[in-house]
Protein backbone atom coordinates (compact mmCIF):
# COMPACT_ATOMS: atom_id res chain seq x y z
CA MET A 1 -9.13 11.30 1.76
CA ARG A 2 -10.18 7.68 1.88
CA ALA A 3 -9.00 4.32 3.14
CA PRO A 4 -6.10 3.00 1.03
CA ASN A 5 -6.05 -0.21 -0.93
CA ALA A 6 -5.54 -3.29 1.27
CA LEU A 7 -2.42 -4.37 -0.65
CA ILE A 8 -0.80 -0.94 -0.18
CA PHE A 9 -1.72 -1.08 3.51
CA VAL A 10 -0.03 -4.49 3.92
CA ILE A 11 3.11 -3.36 2.05
CA THR A 12 3.41 -0.20 4.14
CA ALA A 13 2.83 -2.15 7.36
CA ILE A 14 5.66 -4.54 6.47
CA LEU A 15 7.99 -1.66 5.56
CA ALA A 16 7.19 0.20 8.77
CA PHE A 17 7.55 -2.95 10.90
CA VAL A 18 10.93 -3.86 9.41
CA GLY A 19 12.14 -0.26 9.66
CA ALA A 20 11.07 0.08 13.29
CA CYS A 21 12.57 -3.28 14.28
CA GLU A 22 15.88 -2.45 12.63
CA TYR A 23 15.94 1.00 14.24
CA VAL A 24 15.38 -0.51 17.69
CA GLY A 25 17.88 -3.29 17.02
CA ILE A 26 15.65 -6.37 17.03
CA PRO A 27 17.54 -9.03 15.05
CA PHE A 28 15.97 -10.78 12.08
CA SER A 29 16.85 -14.25 10.88
CA ILE A 30 16.84 -14.21 7.10
CA PRO A 31 17.40 -17.57 5.41
CA ASP A 32 20.44 -17.71 3.15
CA ILE A 33 19.46 -17.40 -0.49
CA LYS A 34 22.14 -17.30 -3.17
CA LEU A 35 21.60 -15.94 -6.64
CA PRO A 36 24.72 -17.02 -8.54
CA LEU A 37 23.98 -15.08 -11.72
CA VAL A 38 23.80 -11.77 -9.89
CA GLY A 39 26.32 -12.54 -7.17
CA PHE A 40 23.85 -11.55 -4.46
CA THR A 41 23.51 -13.27 -1.10
CA THR A 42 21.25 -12.53 1.83
CA ALA A 43 24.29 -11.68 3.97
CA ALA A 44 24.11 -8.14 2.53
CA ILE A 45 20.49 -7.57 3.60
CA PRO A 46 20.83 -6.98 7.40
CA PRO A 47 23.48 -4.24 7.08
CA PHE A 48 21.41 -2.57 4.38
CA LEU A 49 18.26 -2.64 6.50
CA ALA A 50 20.08 -1.40 9.59
CA SER A 51 21.60 1.56 7.77
CA HIS A 52 18.34 2.50 6.02
CA ALA A 53 15.76 1.97 8.79
CA PHE A 54 14.60 5.59 8.70
CA TRP A 55 14.06 5.49 4.94
CA LEU A 56 12.04 2.28 5.21
CA MET A 57 9.67 3.91 7.70
CA PHE A 58 9.54 7.09 5.61
CA ALA A 59 8.73 5.08 2.46
CA ALA A 60 5.92 3.30 4.32
CA TRP A 61 4.44 6.60 5.50
CA PHE A 62 4.80 8.17 2.05
CA LEU A 63 3.11 5.24 0.25
CA LEU A 64 0.26 5.24 2.75
CA ALA A 65 -0.23 8.99 2.38
CA ILE A 66 -0.23 8.83 -1.43
CA ALA A 67 -2.64 5.87 -1.42
CA ALA A 68 -5.04 7.78 0.83
CA LEU A 69 -5.00 10.83 -1.46
CA LEU A 70 -5.51 9.05 -4.78
CA PRO A 71 -9.08 9.18 -6.10
CA ARG A 72 -11.14 6.02 -6.00
CA ARG A 73 -11.88 4.39 -9.33
CA ALA A 74 -15.53 4.22 -10.34
CA ALA A 75 -17.11 0.79 -10.64
CA HIS A 76 -17.24 -0.62 -14.16
CA GLY A 77 -20.57 0.08 -15.84
CA SER A 78 -21.76 2.34 -13.04
CA LYS A 79 -24.15 4.89 -14.48
CA THR A 80 -25.26 6.33 -11.16
CA GLY A 81 -21.78 7.32 -10.00
CA HIS A 82 -22.37 6.02 -6.47
CA ALA A 83 -18.81 4.65 -6.40
CA ALA A 84 -17.61 8.24 -6.29
CA GLY A 85 -20.02 9.06 -3.46
CA ARG A 86 -22.50 11.16 -5.41
CA PRO A 87 -25.43 10.34 -7.70
CA ALA A 88 -25.27 11.09 -11.40
CA ALA A 89 -26.75 14.31 -12.75
CA ASP A 90 -29.71 12.52 -14.37
CA HIS A 91 -30.57 10.57 -11.19
CA HIS A 92 -33.61 11.81 -9.29
CA VAL A 93 -34.37 10.85 -5.70
CA GLY A 94 -37.35 8.52 -5.44
CA GLU A 95 -37.21 7.57 -9.12
CA PRO A 96 -37.41 3.80 -9.65
CA GLN A 97 -34.22 2.33 -11.00
CA PRO A 98 -34.36 0.08 -14.07
CA ALA A 99 -33.69 -3.60 -13.45
CA ALA A 100 -30.28 -4.77 -14.57
């Protein structure tokens, strides 16, 4: 396991915060935004959040767990493999590294 991506961490923190606040009953003031082509207004958001508070917190936990389990990508052009936490097979301790 490893630390998740910062963007995933922020998204999960927002989901968990909104879910916990809606579960407890802390009111949110959401500005009124109208999308005339879709027929959507922000008046439908608070009832949706209140009825799905558990699933918002569950989604935050699930995303954070998946992000922590995903393997880390190796750095571009990394021959030594140190981004994965281990040296490459042809790397010998004490051997001078070529200049980049």
